[in-house]
Amino acid sequence: MKKGIIVKALSGFFYVETEDGKIIECRARGKFRLEEKTPLVGDYVYIDNISDNTGTLAEILPRKNSFIRPPVANLDMMVIVASGTVPVTTPYLIDRIVAVAELRNCEPVICINKIDLDPGDELFDIYSATDIKTIRTSAKTGLGMDELSAVTAGKICAFTGNSGVGKSSILNALKPDFRLSTGEVSKKLGRGRHTTRHVELFSLDNGAKVADTPGFSSFNFDRDDELKPEELKFGFREFAPYLDTCRFRDCAHVKERGCSVINAVSEGKIKSSRHSSYVMMYEAAQEAEKNKYK
């Protein structure tokens, strides 16, 4: 048996990069289907029955984390690509992805792309006020690419964000021989066409493995990525200094009297857009829990 990492999943085949750098095309054993366990890109695995660069996926090693959208495992970092121009990324979308990353033990990084067209000052103001790493880039001019490369060095990363913000263009700029397809943004719709059809890990010269993934086209997450109301506060790291100083121990940090988080928002210590996203997500999570029992 050989150990490796799944670097591509496509049409029921899993492509495993072994420790000696070979790519082995594998089918998964039937036991995974019986156990309702789906192999994911990023999974560390053992494979056997290797012959002519084909084999069988025999065992999936324990995961650091896993995600449904994007469908990857063992991420060290999630790079959330955003834009201040067509398409304009809303803070709510960013905050939703950030919270999922934080609660899955994955470092979020905000990458504001297309700054050759718009500097994205509003988004930069929001996230540079937190300690979430925030980078401004232009895939077209190369601005910020050195910084992005340094941040992702040696990490397993996913690049995600709403369609049309330039995920594939960024990867092409980081490593031109990717030659990933890019789609023009529809001026009528203000969003991009989905040009990425599967999840795949690519190796960078800095030792990183990065995933180009289908973008988020809506705010609907799969069931496994639903956020519980009581855990949501831990997805907003700037809330941490205030969580234990509220007037009421069971404070939801939504509209309660004596809430230290709300006071911090009023004093400008927490950005109001971040708290607004939290409230929207908290109420949605509450509603989702109620619907489970109907």
Protein backbone atom coordinates (compact mmCIF):
# COMPACT_ATOMS: atom_id res chain seq x y z
CA MET A 1 0.00 0.00 0.00
CA LYS A 2 1.08 3.57 -0.69
CA LYS A 3 0.16 6.80 1.03
CA GLY A 4 -0.90 9.86 -0.96
CA ILE A 5 -3.26 12.80 -1.25
CA ILE A 6 -6.29 13.07 -3.53
CA VAL A 7 -5.57 15.93 -5.91
CA LYS A 8 -8.55 15.54 -8.25
CA ALA A 9 -11.98 13.91 -8.18
CA LEU A 10 -13.84 13.54 -11.44
CA SER A 11 -16.67 11.26 -12.59
CA GLY A 12 -16.10 8.66 -9.88
CA PHE A 13 -12.32 8.55 -10.32
CA PHE A 14 -9.88 9.82 -7.69
CA TYR A 15 -6.42 10.92 -8.73
CA VAL A 16 -3.93 10.36 -5.92
CA GLU A 17 -0.49 11.96 -5.76
CA THR A 18 1.79 9.55 -3.92
CA GLU A 19 4.78 10.52 -1.81
CA ASP A 20 7.11 9.82 -4.73
CA GLY A 21 5.23 12.31 -6.92
CA LYS A 22 3.34 9.86 -9.13
CA ILE A 23 -0.34 10.33 -9.98
CA ILE A 24 -2.41 7.15 -9.62
CA GLU A 25 -5.96 6.93 -10.99
CA CYS A 26 -8.13 5.15 -8.43
CA ARG A 27 -11.59 3.82 -7.88
CA ALA A 28 -12.87 3.78 -4.31
CA ARG A 29 -13.70 0.56 -2.47
CA GLY A 30 -17.40 -0.15 -2.03
CA LYS A 31 -17.06 0.11 1.74
CA PHE A 32 -16.97 3.90 1.54
CA ARG A 33 -20.42 3.93 -0.06
CA LEU A 34 -21.72 1.54 2.63
CA GLU A 35 -20.21 3.77 5.32
CA GLU A 36 -21.65 6.86 3.56
CA LYS A 37 -18.17 8.35 3.49
CA THR A 38 -17.26 10.28 0.36
CA PRO A 39 -13.57 10.67 -0.50
CA LEU A 40 -12.71 14.35 -0.99
CA VAL A 41 -9.95 16.24 -2.72
CA GLY A 42 -7.37 16.92 -0.01
CA ASP A 43 -7.92 13.60 1.76
CA TYR A 44 -4.80 11.72 2.76
CA VAL A 45 -5.32 8.11 1.75
CA TYR A 46 -3.78 4.69 1.37
CA ILE A 47 -4.07 2.99 -2.01
CA ASP A 48 -3.36 -0.58 -3.13
CA ASN A 49 -3.70 -2.85 -6.19
CA ILE A 50 -1.40 -0.46 -8.04
CA SER A 51 -0.64 -1.40 -11.63
CA ASP A 52 -0.05 0.74 -14.75
CA ASN A 53 -0.71 3.96 -12.77
CA THR A 54 -4.11 2.73 -11.61
CA GLY A 55 -5.13 1.46 -8.21
CA THR A 56 -7.78 1.19 -5.52
CA LEU A 57 -8.51 3.74 -2.83
CA ALA A 58 -8.36 1.56 0.28
CA GLU A 59 -8.37 3.86 3.33
CA ILE A 60 -9.07 7.51 4.15
CA LEU A 61 -6.95 8.86 6.99
CA PRO A 62 -8.50 11.07 9.72
CA ARG A 63 -9.29 14.58 8.54
CA LYS A 64 -8.31 17.93 10.03
CA ASN A 65 -11.54 19.31 8.61
CA SER A 66 -13.89 18.93 5.67
CA PHE A 67 -16.19 21.17 3.67
CA ILE A 68 -19.16 20.58 1.42
CA ARG A 69 -18.81 23.77 -0.62
CA PRO A 70 -16.06 23.70 -1.71
CA PRO A 71 -15.91 19.89 -1.40
CA VAL A 72 -12.39 19.57 0.01
CA ALA A 73 -10.69 18.21 3.12
CA ASN A 74 -7.69 19.09 5.30
CA LEU A 75 -7.60 22.75 4.34
CA ASP A 76 -5.05 24.92 6.12
CA MET A 77 -6.34 28.10 4.53
CA MET A 78 -9.38 29.38 2.67
CA VAL A 79 -8.65 32.32 0.38
CA ILE A 80 -11.90 34.22 -0.12
CA VAL A 81 -11.62 36.14 -3.35
CA ALA A 82 -13.79 39.25 -3.49
CA SER A 83 -14.22 42.25 -5.75
CA GLY A 84 -15.32 45.88 -5.45
CA THR A 85 -16.49 45.94 -9.05
CA VAL A 86 -18.45 43.71 -11.42
CA PRO A 87 -19.34 41.48 -9.75
CA VAL A 88 -19.50 43.38 -6.44
CA THR A 89 -19.00 41.07 -3.46
CA THR A 90 -21.23 41.73 -0.47
CA PRO A 91 -19.74 41.58 3.04
CA TYR A 92 -22.45 39.11 4.02
CA LEU A 93 -21.15 36.50 1.57
CA ILE A 94 -17.60 36.98 2.82
CA ASP A 95 -18.69 36.79 6.46
CA ARG A 96 -20.62 33.59 5.87
CA ILE A 97 -17.61 31.87 4.33
CA VAL A 98 -15.26 33.28 6.99
CA ALA A 99 -17.47 31.91 9.78
CA VAL A 100 -17.57 28.45 8.21
CA ALA A 101 -13.77 28.51 7.84
CA GLU A 102 -13.18 29.69 11.42
CA LEU A 103 -15.45 26.99 12.83
CA ARG A 104 -13.71 24.31 10.76
CA ASN A 105 -10.21 25.11 12.03
CA CYS A 106 -9.21 26.75 8.74
CA GLU A 107 -7.45 30.11 8.41
CA PRO A 108 -9.47 32.61 6.35
CA VAL A 109 -7.70 35.12 4.09
CA ILE A 110 -9.52 37.91 2.27
CA CYS A 111 -8.22 38.62 -1.24
CA ILE A 112 -9.72 41.73 -2.81
CA ASN A 113 -9.08 41.29 -6.52
CA LYS A 114 -9.52 43.54 -9.59
CA ILE A 115 -8.02 46.56 -7.86
CA ASP A 116 -6.85 47.79 -11.24
CA LEU A 117 -10.56 48.51 -11.82
CA ASP A 118 -11.69 49.35 -8.29
CA PRO A 119 -9.56 49.50 -5.10
CA GLY A 120 -12.27 47.84 -3.00
CA ASP A 121 -11.87 50.42 -0.24
CA GLU A 122 -15.10 49.51 1.54
CA LEU A 123 -14.20 45.83 1.81
CA PHE A 124 -10.61 46.62 2.75
CA ASP A 125 -11.80 48.97 5.50
CA ILE A 126 -14.04 46.28 6.99
CA TYR A 127 -11.57 43.41 7.06
CA SER A 128 -8.33 45.24 7.73
CA ALA A 129 -9.99 46.33 10.99
CA THR A 130 -9.99 42.68 12.07
CA ASP A 131 -6.91 40.49 12.34
CA ILE A 132 -8.04 38.47 9.31
CA LYS A 133 -5.28 38.71 6.73
CA THR A 134 -6.53 41.02 3.96
CA ILE A 135 -4.69 41.39 0.66
CA ARG A 136 -5.43 43.54 -2.38
CA THR A 137 -4.54 42.02 -5.74
CA SER A 138 -4.83 42.47 -9.46
CA ALA A 139 -4.54 39.27 -11.46
CA LYS A 140 -4.22 41.47 -14.55
CA THR A 141 -1.27 43.65 -13.43
CA GLY A 142 0.30 41.25 -10.92
CA LEU A 143 -0.06 43.69 -8.02
CA GLY A 144 -0.20 41.87 -4.68
CA MET A 145 0.64 38.48 -6.13
CA ASP A 146 3.97 38.24 -4.30
CA GLU A 147 2.21 38.86 -0.99
CA LEU A 148 -0.47 36.29 -1.80
CA SER A 149 2.20 33.75 -2.73
CA ALA A 150 4.03 34.35 0.55
CA VAL A 151 0.84 33.91 2.60
CA THR A 152 -0.11 30.64 0.93
CA ALA A 153 3.40 29.11 0.86
CA GLY A 154 3.38 25.49 1.99
CA LYS A 155 -0.37 25.47 2.72
CA ILE A 156 -3.25 23.43 1.37
CA CYS A 157 -5.66 26.13 0.26
CA ALA A 158 -9.01 26.59 -1.40
CA PHE A 159 -9.75 29.66 -3.45
CA THR A 160 -13.44 30.50 -3.29
CA GLY A 161 -15.84 33.39 -3.74
CA ASN A 162 -18.75 34.42 -5.92
CA SER A 163 -18.48 33.72 -9.64
CA GLY A 164 -16.57 36.18 -11.77
CA VAL A 165 -14.26 37.64 -9.11
CA GLY A 166 -11.18 36.13 -10.74
CA LYS A 167 -10.24 32.94 -8.90
CA SER A 168 -8.96 31.19 -12.02
CA SER A 169 -7.25 34.37 -13.21
CA ILE A 170 -5.38 34.63 -9.90
CA LEU A 171 -4.18 31.04 -10.14
CA ASN A 172 -3.09 31.65 -13.72
CA ALA A 173 -1.17 34.72 -12.56
CA LEU A 174 0.50 32.75 -9.75
CA LYS A 175 1.47 29.92 -12.08
CA PRO A 176 0.87 30.68 -15.78
CA ASP A 177 1.19 27.07 -16.93
CA PHE A 178 -2.08 26.26 -15.17
CA ARG A 179 -3.88 27.81 -18.19
CA LEU A 180 -7.19 27.51 -16.35
CA SER A 181 -10.18 28.58 -18.36
CA THR A 182 -11.67 31.95 -17.45
CA GLY A 183 -15.12 33.20 -18.32
CA GLU A 184 -16.22 36.70 -19.18
CA VAL A 185 -18.51 38.31 -16.66
CA SER A 186 -22.02 38.82 -17.94
CA LYS A 187 -22.67 42.56 -17.96
CA LYS A 188 -26.40 41.93 -17.95
CA LEU A 189 -26.39 39.67 -14.91
CA GLY A 190 -23.39 41.17 -13.14
CA ARG A 191 -21.99 37.75 -12.35
CA GLY A 192 -19.73 35.21 -13.96
CA ARG A 193 -20.45 31.96 -15.69
CA HIS A 194 -19.30 28.84 -13.90
CA THR A 195 -16.11 27.91 -15.71
CA THR A 196 -14.71 25.40 -13.19
CA ARG A 197 -16.34 21.95 -13.47
CA HIS A 198 -14.49 20.00 -10.81
CA VAL A 199 -12.28 20.47 -7.78
CA GLU A 200 -8.56 19.97 -8.30
CA LEU A 201 -5.43 20.67 -6.26
CA PHE A 202 -2.57 22.32 -8.11
CA SER A 203 0.99 22.64 -6.85
CA LEU A 204 2.65 26.04 -6.70
CA ASP A 205 6.37 26.72 -6.77
CA ASN A 206 6.08 27.97 -3.17
CA GLY A 207 5.08 24.50 -1.96
CA ALA A 208 1.39 25.29 -1.70
CA LYS A 209 -1.38 23.13 -3.04
CA VAL A 210 -4.35 25.20 -4.11
CA ALA A 211 -7.85 24.22 -5.16
CA ASP A 212 -9.72 25.97 -7.91
CA THR A 213 -13.37 25.42 -7.05
CA PRO A 214 -16.83 26.36 -8.31
CA GLY A 215 -17.85 29.71 -6.81
CA PHE A 216 -20.67 30.39 -4.41
CA SER A 217 -23.65 31.53 -6.47
CA SER A 218 -26.01 31.84 -3.51
CA PHE A 219 -26.05 31.99 0.27
CA ASN A 220 -27.50 28.48 0.58
CA PHE A 221 -25.13 26.07 2.26
CA ASP A 222 -25.49 22.33 2.37
CA ARG A 223 -26.76 20.77 5.56
CA ASP A 224 -23.29 19.82 6.81
CA ASP A 225 -22.21 23.45 6.59
CA GLU A 226 -25.20 24.85 8.46
CA LEU A 227 -24.14 26.96 11.41
CA LYS A 228 -25.63 26.40 14.85
CA PRO A 229 -26.84 29.57 16.64
CA GLU A 230 -24.85 28.85 19.77
CA GLU A 231 -21.55 28.31 17.93
CA LEU A 232 -21.86 31.19 15.47
CA LYS A 233 -20.30 33.79 17.79
CA PHE A 234 -17.01 31.87 17.59
CA GLY A 235 -16.95 32.44 13.84
CA PHE A 236 -16.39 36.18 14.43
CA ARG A 237 -12.98 36.43 16.03
CA GLU A 238 -13.25 40.11 16.96
CA PHE A 239 -16.18 39.23 19.26
CA ALA A 240 -13.89 37.13 21.49
CA PRO A 241 -12.75 39.84 23.95
CA TYR A 242 -16.37 40.71 24.76
CA LEU A 243 -18.17 37.38 24.94
CA ASP A 244 -17.72 36.82 28.68
CA THR A 245 -18.51 40.38 29.79
CA CYS A 246 -22.16 40.69 28.74
CA ARG A 247 -24.81 41.43 31.35
CA PHE A 248 -26.55 38.11 30.77
CA ARG A 249 -24.72 34.80 30.55
CA ASP A 250 -26.99 33.51 27.76
CA CYS A 251 -26.64 36.69 25.70
CA ALA A 252 -27.17 36.05 21.99
CA HIS A 253 -25.37 39.31 21.05
CA VAL A 254 -28.25 40.31 18.80
CA LYS A 255 -30.23 43.03 20.62
CA GLU A 256 -29.93 42.30 24.35
CA ARG A 257 -29.43 44.99 26.97
CA GLY A 258 -25.97 45.09 28.45
CA CYS A 259 -24.42 43.21 25.52
CA SER A 260 -20.70 43.95 25.36
CA VAL A 261 -20.54 43.02 21.68
CA ILE A 262 -23.25 45.53 20.78
CA ASN A 263 -21.50 48.17 22.92
CA ALA A 264 -18.26 47.46 21.04
CA VAL A 265 -20.10 48.01 17.76
CA SER A 266 -21.46 51.33 19.05
CA GLU A 267 -17.93 52.38 20.06
CA GLY A 268 -16.53 51.47 16.63
CA LYS A 269 -14.43 48.58 17.96
CA ILE A 270 -16.38 46.09 15.84
CA LYS A 271 -17.50 46.98 12.32
CA SER A 272 -21.29 47.35 12.09
CA SER A 273 -21.41 45.32 8.86
CA ARG A 274 -19.78 42.38 10.63
CA HIS A 275 -22.35 42.50 13.42
CA SER A 276 -25.17 42.88 10.89
CA SER A 277 -23.96 39.74 9.12
CA TYR A 278 -23.83 37.94 12.45
CA VAL A 279 -27.42 38.91 13.27
CA MET A 280 -28.67 37.77 9.85
CA MET A 281 -26.80 34.50 10.17
CA TYR A 282 -27.95 33.95 13.76
CA GLU A 283 -31.60 34.47 12.83
CA ALA A 284 -31.24 32.19 9.80
CA ALA A 285 -29.60 29.51 11.97
CA GLN A 286 -32.42 29.77 14.51
CA GLU A 287 -35.01 29.40 11.78
CA ALA A 288 -33.19 26.40 10.33
CA GLU A 289 -33.21 24.69 13.73
CA LYS A 290 -36.94 25.30 14.15
CA ASN A 291 -37.66 23.82 10.73
CA LYS A 292 -35.83 20.61 11.66
CA TYR A 293 -38.56 19.77 14.15
CA LYS A 294 -41.59 20.62 11.99
